[in-house]
Amino acid sequence: MLIVEERIRQKLNDILRSDSYAAMLQDTVIQERSGRLVVPVQRQYHKKFSGTVIDTSSSGSTVFMEPAAVTRLQDEYSQLKAEEEVEIFRILTDLTQQVDSHARELLINVETITHYDFVFAKAKYSRSMDMRPVQLNTSGICVINQGRHPLLGAKAVPLDFHLGGLNRALVITGPNTGGKTVTLKTVGLLTMMAQAGLHLPVEEGSEIAIFTDIMADIGDGQSMEQSLSTFSAHVRNILTMLSCADSGSLILLDELGAGTDPAEGRGFAIAVLEELYARGATIVATTHLGEIKEFAQHAEGFVNGCMEFDPDSLQPLYRLKIGTWGDSHAFLIALKLGMDPDLIAHAYEISYGTKMALQLESIVQPETLTDEEVIRKHRENQRMREEAEKAQDRLERQRKYQKKNLKVGDRVYISTMQRTGVVFQEENEKGDLVVLVLGKKYRINNKRLTLHIDREDLYPEDYDLDIVLESKENRKKRKTMGKHHIEGLVIESQDGITNPK
């Protein structure tokens, strides 16, 4: 077939170079129409040109003709092409029958490979984050030593957490942005990771309980479309929990009782906690409501916890302390910033109905209340924190616009198309790369690309990337040309690059 095709191209090239046909031709490029090689002839000369009309351009000014000199060779080529397709069908049929006869073994192999791929992926993830195995139990005991949320990285403050045995319910209090919600998410995520067979980012001695259900109500869940308020969204989630909670359930509740009148909210929260506990569930809840803290202090099976707070720097420490409750530290912060202690005492009396001047004085010494250095210290801390945040922003911007050094063969995520592709051509001086997506090439700026999988992780060491980047026809021609020279054999260029919308 290649020899016949080469003969056809030779004859057509002779015609294109011939002075006899120069005036008749629209162009000097061999083209393909309806599976046959043709030359473009100007319409006014098509009757003078010896050959058969195969196709016409959309404008009608060009007629694509098959010269009579190659008709016999074209017919021979078509016959060989048909025979090739018959042979391909026969081979594929034979291979299909062979595969079908070993279908059971192949399916077992696929399942085995899938299993080991999952195992190796878990191992690689574990090694990348210095994780370790933990002891599992079915008695509801959860002990986390120096646990970290996998997405927060090594700089996050580690979590020490224990629950189970005599106490099945933990109520966490503390200031806003103090880490209460992150604690809930960390406990839930580490539990699910352990049940999925993953190692955990924790220290030795950690232990995780196995649960049949892990249910969480985190976030306000407001919905304008469904006309849901914050409280309504919480209630909808809690209804689901109450319908299926049992001794095998882990319940995570964020800001329980929030989003409605405080008096009704605390009554609702305590009733929900009592009902979930009565059903045997293990509970971790966060709240700002004082009555819920008092309830947890005295109720059997409940224990308080708080997120620690530094009264000197007025900053949360993001450490969980179990066995005591915390508060919002609003009065302490106001006193440290120099507010009149009499005003604070009056505010405390309004809030709690009792005079607390002596207690306030014990929290902050009288001389401290008038010491301007405390105010200056807070402002200095605030200034340093703002400078640190600005420096971090600068680093993030530099990192954002830094050259990504993406390589040919890397799998990348394209933010504007919301899909992945393979780098076909590396970055040019404008920062544009050519990316192959579903067989089509797109020119995309590196700002819209994120490395998804490095080519070293995607392909074996000696893998031929042409299998991914080049068409099957071009690979076949390149292989033929590598064996011997064939006059006129051309590898078609794949320069059709699209700019995505």
Protein backbone atom coordinates (compact mmCIF):
# COMPACT_ATOMS: atom_id res chain seq x y z
CA MET A 1 0.00 0.00 0.00
CA LEU A 2 2.75 2.45 0.89
CA ILE A 3 4.54 1.69 -2.39
CA VAL A 4 1.36 2.28 -4.43
CA GLU A 5 0.64 5.48 -2.50
CA GLU A 6 4.20 6.65 -3.15
CA ARG A 7 3.79 6.02 -6.90
CA ILE A 8 0.55 8.04 -6.91
CA ARG A 9 2.23 10.94 -5.13
CA GLN A 10 5.19 10.84 -7.54
CA LYS A 11 2.89 11.11 -10.56
CA LEU A 12 0.87 13.89 -8.96
CA ASN A 13 4.05 15.80 -8.06
CA ASP A 14 5.19 15.46 -11.69
CA ILE A 15 1.89 17.00 -12.81
CA LEU A 16 2.14 19.82 -10.28
CA ARG A 17 5.68 20.65 -11.43
CA SER A 18 4.85 20.39 -15.14
CA ASP A 19 4.74 23.64 -17.13
CA SER A 20 1.90 22.17 -19.20
CA TYR A 21 -0.49 22.29 -16.26
CA ALA A 22 0.85 25.35 -14.40
CA ALA A 23 -1.80 27.74 -15.75
CA MET A 24 -4.66 25.32 -14.94
CA LEU A 25 -3.77 24.63 -11.29
CA GLN A 26 -5.18 26.61 -8.40
CA ASP A 27 -2.41 25.45 -6.07
CA THR A 28 0.61 23.11 -6.07
CA VAL A 29 -0.42 21.00 -3.07
CA ILE A 30 -1.67 17.41 -3.18
CA GLN A 31 -4.96 17.09 -1.34
CA GLU A 32 -7.27 14.25 -0.35
CA ARG A 33 -10.97 14.16 -1.12
CA SER A 34 -13.33 11.21 -0.56
CA GLY A 35 -10.35 8.97 0.18
CA ARG A 36 -8.57 9.75 -3.12
CA LEU A 37 -5.52 11.95 -3.78
CA VAL A 38 -6.35 14.91 -6.04
CA VAL A 39 -4.96 18.19 -7.38
CA PRO A 40 -6.77 21.57 -7.23
CA VAL A 41 -7.74 22.82 -10.72
CA GLN A 42 -9.24 26.21 -11.60
CA ARG A 43 -12.88 25.77 -12.56
CA GLN A 44 -12.54 27.31 -16.03
CA TYR A 45 -9.91 24.68 -16.97
CA HIS A 46 -11.52 21.53 -15.56
CA LYS A 47 -12.76 20.38 -19.00
CA LYS A 48 -9.29 20.77 -20.51
CA PHE A 49 -7.66 18.86 -17.66
CA SER A 50 -7.53 15.11 -18.30
CA GLY A 51 -9.09 13.45 -15.28
CA THR A 52 -12.15 12.91 -13.08
CA VAL A 53 -13.84 15.50 -10.87
CA ILE A 54 -13.89 14.20 -7.27
CA ASP A 55 -15.02 17.30 -5.34
CA THR A 56 -15.59 21.06 -5.55
CA SER A 57 -14.64 23.84 -3.13
CA SER A 58 -17.36 25.62 -1.16
CA SER A 59 -16.91 28.76 -3.29
CA GLY A 60 -17.05 26.73 -6.51
CA SER A 61 -13.88 28.34 -7.88
CA THR A 62 -11.75 25.22 -7.37
CA VAL A 63 -12.36 21.72 -8.71
CA PHE A 64 -10.48 18.83 -7.13
CA MET A 65 -9.60 16.38 -9.89
CA GLU A 66 -8.00 12.98 -10.09
CA PRO A 67 -5.65 12.94 -13.13
CA ALA A 68 -6.27 10.10 -15.57
CA ALA A 69 -2.62 9.06 -15.18
CA VAL A 70 -3.21 7.90 -11.60
CA THR A 71 -6.72 6.46 -11.90
CA ARG A 72 -5.49 2.86 -12.26
CA LEU A 73 -3.11 3.28 -9.32
CA GLN A 74 -5.87 4.90 -7.23
CA ASP A 75 -8.17 1.95 -7.95
CA GLU A 76 -5.39 -0.45 -6.99
CA TYR A 77 -4.80 1.52 -3.78
CA SER A 78 -8.53 1.46 -2.94
CA GLN A 79 -8.58 -2.31 -3.47
CA LEU A 80 -5.56 -2.78 -1.20
CA LYS A 81 -7.17 -0.49 1.38
CA ALA A 82 -10.34 -2.59 1.35
CA GLU A 83 -8.32 -5.79 1.70
CA GLU A 84 -6.41 -4.23 4.59
CA GLU A 85 -9.64 -3.35 6.38
CA VAL A 86 -10.93 -6.90 5.90
CA GLU A 87 -7.68 -8.25 7.34
CA ILE A 88 -7.82 -5.82 10.26
CA PHE A 89 -11.38 -6.91 11.00
CA ARG A 90 -10.32 -10.57 10.86
CA ILE A 91 -7.41 -9.95 13.24
CA LEU A 92 -9.54 -7.94 15.66
CA THR A 93 -12.21 -10.63 15.59
CA ASP A 94 -9.62 -13.29 16.35
CA LEU A 95 -8.13 -11.21 19.17
CA THR A 96 -11.58 -10.53 20.59
CA GLN A 97 -12.33 -14.24 20.65
CA GLN A 98 -9.03 -14.91 22.39
CA VAL A 99 -9.72 -12.21 24.97
CA ASP A 100 -13.25 -13.51 25.51
CA SER A 101 -11.94 -17.02 26.15
CA HIS A 102 -9.82 -15.59 28.98
CA ALA A 103 -12.35 -13.05 30.22
CA ARG A 104 -12.44 -14.44 33.77
CA GLU A 105 -8.66 -14.35 34.17
CA LEU A 106 -8.46 -10.83 32.72
CA LEU A 107 -11.17 -9.53 35.04
CA ILE A 108 -9.33 -11.02 38.01
CA ASN A 109 -6.14 -9.32 36.80
CA VAL A 110 -7.93 -5.97 36.47
CA GLU A 111 -9.33 -6.28 39.99
CA THR A 112 -5.91 -7.26 41.33
CA ILE A 113 -4.15 -4.38 39.57
CA THR A 114 -6.81 -1.95 40.81
CA HIS A 115 -6.37 -3.21 44.37
CA TYR A 116 -2.59 -2.89 44.30
CA ASP A 117 -2.78 0.50 42.61
CA PHE A 118 -4.96 1.70 45.50
CA VAL A 119 -2.57 0.16 48.05
CA PHE A 120 0.48 1.79 46.46
CA ALA A 121 -1.35 5.14 46.20
CA LYS A 122 -2.14 5.00 49.94
CA ALA A 123 1.47 4.11 50.72
CA LYS A 124 2.80 6.96 48.58
CA TYR A 125 0.41 9.42 50.23
CA SER A 126 1.40 8.14 53.69
CA ARG A 127 5.11 8.56 52.96
CA SER A 128 4.64 12.06 51.53
CA MET A 129 3.05 13.30 54.78
CA ASP A 130 5.00 11.20 57.30
CA MET A 131 1.87 9.31 58.39
CA ARG A 132 1.69 6.17 60.51
CA PRO A 133 -0.78 3.33 61.21
CA VAL A 134 -3.06 3.59 64.24
CA GLN A 135 -4.81 1.05 66.41
CA LEU A 136 -8.50 0.55 65.61
CA ASN A 137 -11.28 -0.41 68.02
CA THR A 138 -15.03 -0.90 68.10
CA SER A 139 -15.50 0.39 71.66
CA GLY A 140 -15.93 4.05 70.70
CA ILE A 141 -12.55 5.18 72.07
CA CYS A 142 -10.81 7.89 70.04
CA VAL A 143 -7.33 9.09 71.00
CA ILE A 144 -5.49 11.52 68.69
CA ASN A 145 -1.93 12.47 69.66
CA GLN A 146 -0.49 15.47 67.82
CA GLY A 147 -2.93 15.00 64.95
CA ARG A 148 -2.88 17.33 61.96
CA HIS A 149 -5.48 18.08 59.31
CA PRO A 150 -3.89 16.75 56.05
CA LEU A 151 -4.75 19.94 54.13
CA LEU A 152 -3.29 22.36 56.69
CA GLY A 153 0.29 21.09 56.47
CA ALA A 154 3.08 20.80 59.01
CA LYS A 155 2.76 24.42 60.22
CA ALA A 156 -0.69 23.81 61.72
CA VAL A 157 -0.94 23.50 65.52
CA PRO A 158 -1.32 19.74 66.24
CA LEU A 159 -4.45 18.44 67.94
CA ASP A 160 -4.50 16.35 71.13
CA PHE A 161 -7.92 14.75 71.48
CA HIS A 162 -9.41 11.91 73.51
CA LEU A 163 -13.00 10.76 73.84
CA GLY A 164 -14.73 7.52 74.79
CA GLY A 165 -15.07 5.25 77.78
CA LEU A 166 -16.92 7.11 80.53
CA ASN A 167 -17.40 10.19 78.36
CA ARG A 168 -19.05 9.83 74.94
CA ALA A 169 -19.87 13.51 74.36
CA LEU A 170 -17.53 16.51 74.16
CA VAL A 171 -18.75 20.13 74.11
CA ILE A 172 -16.07 22.55 72.85
CA THR A 173 -16.18 26.29 73.60
CA GLY A 174 -13.85 29.18 72.87
CA PRO A 175 -13.48 32.43 70.91
CA ASN A 176 -14.32 32.80 67.24
CA THR A 177 -11.52 31.73 64.85
CA GLY A 178 -10.06 29.80 67.78
CA GLY A 179 -10.04 26.46 65.97
CA LYS A 180 -13.28 24.82 67.12
CA THR A 181 -14.56 24.05 63.63
CA VAL A 182 -11.13 22.84 62.46
CA THR A 183 -11.10 20.46 65.44
CA LEU A 184 -14.44 19.01 64.34
CA LYS A 185 -13.24 18.59 60.77
CA THR A 186 -9.94 17.04 61.85
CA VAL A 187 -11.63 14.46 64.09
CA GLY A 188 -14.13 13.53 61.38
CA LEU A 189 -11.59 13.38 58.56
CA LEU A 190 -9.02 11.33 60.50
CA THR A 191 -11.75 8.87 61.50
CA MET A 192 -12.85 8.45 57.88
CA MET A 193 -9.24 8.10 56.70
CA ALA A 194 -8.62 5.34 59.24
CA GLN A 195 -11.75 3.49 58.13
CA ALA A 196 -10.59 3.79 54.50
CA GLY A 197 -7.36 2.00 55.40
CA LEU A 198 -5.16 5.10 55.26
CA HIS A 199 -2.35 5.96 57.62
CA LEU A 200 -2.88 9.12 59.69
CA PRO A 201 -0.78 12.26 60.32
CA VAL A 202 -0.56 11.56 64.08
CA GLU A 203 2.04 10.52 66.65
CA GLU A 204 2.46 7.12 68.31
CA GLY A 205 -0.23 5.95 70.72
CA SER A 206 -3.16 7.23 68.68
CA GLU A 207 -6.29 5.10 68.48
CA ILE A 208 -9.39 5.48 66.30
CA ALA A 209 -12.86 4.01 66.80
CA ILE A 210 -14.76 2.39 63.94
CA PHE A 211 -18.22 3.86 63.30
CA THR A 212 -21.00 2.71 61.00
CA ASP A 213 -22.13 6.33 60.44
CA ILE A 214 -20.23 9.62 60.56
CA MET A 215 -22.61 12.58 60.36
CA ALA A 216 -21.65 16.26 60.46
CA ASP A 217 -23.51 19.57 60.60
CA ILE A 218 -20.82 22.17 59.87
CA GLY A 219 -21.38 25.63 58.35
CA ASP A 220 -24.52 27.76 58.31
CA GLY A 221 -26.10 26.04 55.27
CA GLN A 222 -28.19 29.06 54.25
CA SER A 223 -30.02 28.74 50.93
CA MET A 224 -31.91 31.55 49.20
CA GLU A 225 -33.22 29.12 46.58
CA GLN A 226 -34.73 26.81 49.21
CA SER A 227 -35.65 29.67 51.59
CA LEU A 228 -33.56 28.14 54.38
CA SER A 229 -32.27 30.26 57.26
CA THR A 230 -29.19 29.24 59.26
CA PHE A 231 -31.33 27.66 61.97
CA SER A 232 -33.59 25.89 59.47
CA ALA A 233 -30.56 24.39 57.75
CA HIS A 234 -29.23 23.13 61.10
CA VAL A 235 -32.60 21.62 62.02
CA ARG A 236 -32.87 19.80 58.69
CA ASN A 237 -29.47 18.18 59.24
CA ILE A 238 -30.23 17.32 62.87
CA LEU A 239 -33.51 15.66 61.85
CA THR A 240 -31.53 13.33 59.59
CA MET A 241 -29.14 12.55 62.44
CA LEU A 242 -31.94 11.80 64.89
CA SER A 243 -33.57 9.43 62.42
CA CYS A 244 -30.57 7.09 62.21
CA ALA A 245 -28.27 7.78 65.19
CA ASP A 246 -27.26 4.75 67.25
CA SER A 247 -24.28 3.35 69.16
CA GLY A 248 -22.31 3.12 65.91
CA SER A 249 -22.68 6.82 65.05
CA LEU A 250 -20.19 9.68 65.31
CA ILE A 251 -22.04 13.02 65.39
CA LEU A 252 -20.21 16.32 64.72
CA LEU A 253 -22.23 19.48 65.47
CA ASP A 254 -20.88 22.98 64.83
CA GLU A 255 -22.38 25.98 66.69
CA LEU A 256 -25.25 23.94 68.12
CA GLY A 257 -28.21 26.15 69.04
CA ALA A 258 -27.02 29.10 66.96
CA GLY A 259 -29.11 31.02 64.44
CA THR A 260 -32.17 31.61 66.64
CA ASP A 261 -33.20 33.24 69.95
CA PRO A 262 -30.49 32.30 72.52
CA ALA A 263 -33.01 31.17 75.15
CA GLU A 264 -34.75 28.83 72.70
CA GLY A 265 -31.44 27.85 71.10
CA ARG A 266 -29.92 26.56 74.33
CA GLY A 267 -33.04 24.58 75.20
CA PHE A 268 -33.10 23.08 71.71
CA ALA A 269 -29.37 22.27 71.86
CA ILE A 270 -29.54 20.54 75.25
CA ALA A 271 -32.57 18.47 74.19
CA VAL A 272 -30.80 17.37 70.99
CA LEU A 273 -27.62 16.44 72.89
CA GLU A 274 -29.62 14.42 75.44
CA GLU A 275 -31.53 12.56 72.72
CA LEU A 276 -28.42 11.74 70.67
CA TYR A 277 -26.60 10.56 73.79
CA ALA A 278 -29.57 8.41 74.81
CA ARG A 279 -29.39 6.71 71.40
CA GLY A 280 -25.78 5.73 72.13
CA ALA A 281 -24.05 8.09 69.69
CA THR A 282 -20.57 9.54 70.20
CA ILE A 283 -20.86 13.34 70.01
CA VAL A 284 -18.49 16.27 69.45
CA ALA A 285 -20.22 19.68 69.47
CA THR A 286 -19.14 23.33 69.55
CA THR A 287 -21.08 26.21 71.09
CA HIS A 288 -20.92 29.74 72.53
CA LEU A 289 -23.96 29.29 74.81
CA GLY A 290 -23.08 29.28 78.53
CA GLU A 291 -25.98 27.07 79.61
CA ILE A 292 -24.79 24.27 77.33
CA LYS A 293 -21.36 24.43 78.98
CA GLU A 294 -22.99 24.14 82.40
CA PHE A 295 -25.12 21.24 81.17
CA ALA A 296 -22.05 19.39 79.89
CA GLN A 297 -20.26 20.05 83.19
CA HIS A 298 -22.88 18.15 85.19
CA ALA A 299 -24.49 15.70 82.74
CA GLU A 300 -23.34 12.09 82.94
CA GLY A 301 -21.18 11.05 79.98
CA PHE A 302 -20.50 14.64 78.90
CA VAL A 303 -17.25 16.58 79.20
CA ASN A 304 -16.32 20.17 78.40
CA GLY A 305 -13.41 21.29 76.28
CA CYS A 306 -12.09 24.68 75.24
CA MET A 307 -9.75 26.22 72.70
CA GLU A 308 -6.93 27.93 74.60
CA PHE A 309 -6.43 31.69 74.42
CA ASP A 310 -3.36 33.83 75.20
CA PRO A 311 -4.50 36.78 77.36
CA ASP A 312 -1.21 38.63 76.80
CA SER A 313 -1.19 38.65 73.01
CA LEU A 314 -5.00 38.46 72.78
CA GLN A 315 -4.54 35.68 70.22
CA PRO A 316 -6.03 32.16 70.05
CA LEU A 317 -3.51 29.33 70.57
CA TYR A 318 -5.50 26.73 68.59
CA ARG A 319 -4.90 24.11 71.31
CA LEU A 320 -7.75 21.97 72.65
CA LYS A 321 -7.93 21.56 76.42
CA ILE A 322 -10.37 18.87 77.59
CA GLY A 323 -11.94 18.99 81.06
CA THR A 324 -12.70 22.70 81.31
CA TRP A 325 -14.81 25.18 79.41
CA GLY A 326 -13.77 28.45 77.80
CA ASP A 327 -15.45 31.71 76.98
CA SER A 328 -15.30 34.40 74.33
CA HIS A 329 -12.84 36.53 76.43
CA ALA A 330 -14.72 39.66 75.36
CA PHE A 331 -14.32 41.35 78.77
CA LEU A 332 -10.64 40.47 79.04
CA ILE A 333 -9.90 41.81 75.56
CA ALA A 334 -11.78 45.04 76.32
CA LEU A 335 -9.92 45.48 79.62
CA LYS A 336 -6.54 44.85 78.03
CA LEU A 337 -7.28 47.49 75.42
CA GLY A 338 -7.94 50.06 78.16
CA MET A 339 -11.72 50.22 78.46
CA ASP A 340 -13.07 51.63 81.75
CA PRO A 341 -13.31 48.75 84.27
CA ASP A 342 -16.52 50.19 85.73
CA LEU A 343 -18.11 50.01 82.29
CA ILE A 344 -16.92 46.41 81.90
CA ALA A 345 -18.25 45.55 85.35
CA HIS A 346 -21.62 46.99 84.39
CA ALA A 347 -21.58 45.01 81.14
CA TYR A 348 -20.80 41.86 83.10
CA GLU A 349 -23.68 42.56 85.48
CA ILE A 350 -26.06 43.03 82.55
CA SER A 351 -24.86 39.78 80.98
CA TYR A 352 -24.86 37.59 84.09
CA GLY A 353 -27.03 39.45 86.63
CA THR A 354 -24.33 39.68 89.33
CA LYS A 355 -21.62 42.16 90.26
CA MET A 356 -18.25 40.81 89.22
CA ALA A 357 -15.91 43.70 89.97
CA LEU A 358 -13.71 41.64 92.30
CA GLN A 359 -13.47 38.80 89.81
CA LEU A 360 -12.59 41.27 87.06
CA GLU A 361 -9.85 42.73 89.20
CA SER A 362 -8.48 39.23 89.78
CA ILE A 363 -8.40 38.62 86.06
CA VAL A 364 -6.51 41.85 85.31
CA GLN A 365 -4.56 43.65 88.04
CA PRO A 366 -5.67 47.27 88.67
CA GLU A 367 -2.32 48.71 87.68
CA THR A 368 -2.54 46.82 84.39
CA LEU A 369 -5.83 48.50 83.59
CA THR A 370 -4.14 51.89 83.46
CA ASP A 371 -0.85 50.74 81.98
CA GLU A 372 -0.56 52.15 78.46
CA GLU A 373 2.15 49.62 77.65
CA VAL A 374 -0.51 46.91 77.39
CA ILE A 375 -2.30 48.91 74.73
CA ARG A 376 0.95 49.64 72.92
CA LYS A 377 1.90 45.98 73.09
CA HIS A 378 -1.38 44.94 71.55
CA ARG A 379 -1.04 47.54 68.80
CA GLU A 380 2.54 46.46 68.16
CA ASN A 381 1.43 42.83 67.92
CA GLN A 382 -1.33 43.89 65.56
CA ARG A 383 1.14 45.89 63.41
CA MET A 384 3.59 42.98 63.26
CA ARG A 385 0.77 40.61 62.35
CA GLU A 386 -0.36 42.92 59.54
CA GLU A 387 3.22 43.17 58.23
CA ALA A 388 3.54 39.38 58.33
CA GLU A 389 0.27 39.02 56.43
CA LYS A 390 1.46 41.52 53.79
CA ALA A 391 4.74 39.62 53.43
CA GLN A 392 2.81 36.39 53.06
CA ASP A 393 0.62 37.99 50.39
CA ARG A 394 3.73 39.10 48.48
CA LEU A 395 5.14 35.57 48.62
CA GLU A 396 1.83 34.16 47.41
CA ARG A 397 1.77 36.61 44.48
CA GLN A 398 5.36 35.76 43.58
CA ARG A 399 4.56 32.07 43.78
CA LYS A 400 1.45 32.61 41.66
CA TYR A 401 3.31 34.28 38.82
CA GLN A 402 6.45 32.16 39.09
CA LYS A 403 7.22 30.05 36.05
CA LYS A 404 5.74 26.61 36.60
CA ASN A 405 8.34 24.69 34.50
CA LEU A 406 5.72 22.34 33.11
CA LYS A 407 7.21 19.65 30.87
CA VAL A 408 5.99 17.83 27.78
CA GLY A 409 3.94 14.87 28.97
CA ASP A 410 2.83 16.43 32.29
CA ARG A 411 -0.90 16.11 32.99
CA VAL A 412 -2.27 19.55 33.90
CA TYR A 413 -5.60 20.91 35.15
CA ILE A 414 -7.04 23.72 33.00
CA SER A 415 -9.05 26.07 35.24
CA THR A 416 -10.98 27.76 32.40
CA MET A 417 -12.04 24.43 30.84
CA GLN A 418 -12.42 22.57 34.17
CA ARG A 419 -10.72 19.46 32.79
CA THR A 420 -7.28 17.94 32.45
CA GLY A 421 -4.96 17.73 29.45
CA VAL A 422 -1.40 16.75 28.52
CA VAL A 423 1.35 19.30 27.80
CA PHE A 424 2.19 18.97 24.08
CA GLN A 425 4.58 21.90 23.76
CA GLU A 426 6.48 23.64 26.53
CA GLU A 427 6.11 27.29 27.53
CA ASN A 428 7.16 30.03 25.08
CA GLU A 429 8.43 33.52 25.88
CA LYS A 430 4.82 34.73 26.35
CA GLY A 431 4.09 32.07 28.96
CA ASP A 432 1.83 30.08 26.60
CA LEU A 433 1.89 26.29 26.35
CA VAL A 434 0.22 23.92 23.90
CA VAL A 435 -2.00 21.41 25.71
CA LEU A 436 -3.58 18.30 24.18
CA VAL A 437 -7.21 17.84 25.28
CA LEU A 438 -9.30 15.00 23.82
CA GLY A 439 -7.17 14.87 20.67
CA LYS A 440 -7.27 18.65 20.06
CA LYS A 441 -4.48 21.12 20.82
CA TYR A 442 -5.08 24.38 22.65
CA ARG A 443 -2.74 27.29 23.31
CA ILE A 444 -3.18 28.18 27.00
CA ASN A 445 -1.30 30.57 29.30
CA ASN A 446 0.49 29.00 32.27
CA LYS A 447 -1.60 31.10 34.71
CA ARG A 448 -4.58 28.91 33.84
CA LEU A 449 -2.66 25.64 34.31
CA THR A 450 -1.95 23.66 37.46
CA LEU A 451 0.23 20.54 37.56
CA HIS A 452 -2.08 17.57 38.11
CA ILE A 453 0.31 14.62 37.67
CA ASP A 454 4.02 14.86 36.85
CA ARG A 455 5.04 12.88 33.78
CA GLU A 456 7.56 10.91 35.90
CA ASP A 457 4.63 9.67 38.01
CA LEU A 458 2.37 9.15 34.99
CA TYR A 459 4.55 7.10 32.64
CA PRO A 460 7.30 4.45 33.03
CA GLU A 461 10.89 5.65 32.67
CA ASP A 462 11.39 4.59 29.02
CA TYR A 463 7.83 5.32 27.87
CA ASP A 464 7.47 6.67 24.32
CA LEU A 465 5.50 9.92 24.66
CA ASP A 466 4.75 9.89 20.92
CA ILE A 467 2.07 7.29 21.74
CA VAL A 468 0.24 10.04 23.62
CA LEU A 469 1.18 13.08 21.54
CA GLU A 470 1.19 11.86 17.91
CA SER A 471 -1.51 10.37 15.71
CA LYS A 472 -1.42 6.66 14.93
CA GLU A 473 -0.92 7.38 11.20
CA ASN A 474 2.10 9.59 11.80
CA ARG A 475 3.66 7.04 14.16
CA LYS A 476 3.23 4.37 11.50
CA LYS A 477 4.88 6.58 8.86
CA ARG A 478 7.72 7.50 11.20
CA LYS A 479 8.37 3.83 11.90
CA THR A 480 8.43 3.06 8.15
CA MET A 481 10.80 5.96 7.45
CA GLY A 482 13.09 4.68 10.19
CA LYS A 483 13.54 1.41 8.30
CA HIS A 484 14.18 2.78 4.79
CA HIS A 485 13.70 5.89 2.66
CA ILE A 486 10.47 6.23 0.69
CA GLU A 487 10.35 9.05 -1.82
CA GLY A 488 7.43 11.43 -1.20
CA LEU A 489 6.36 9.90 2.13
CA VAL A 490 5.29 12.85 4.27
CA ILE A 491 4.44 13.08 7.97
CA GLU A 492 1.42 15.35 8.24
CA SER A 493 1.96 18.35 10.50
CA GLN A 494 -0.40 18.64 13.51
CA ASP A 495 -0.28 22.40 13.88
CA GLY A 496 -4.02 22.94 14.22
CA ILE A 497 -3.94 24.78 17.53
CA THR A 498 -7.11 26.28 19.01
CA ASN A 499 -7.34 29.17 21.42
CA PRO A 500 -9.92 28.16 24.05
CA LYS A 501 -12.88 30.47 24.58
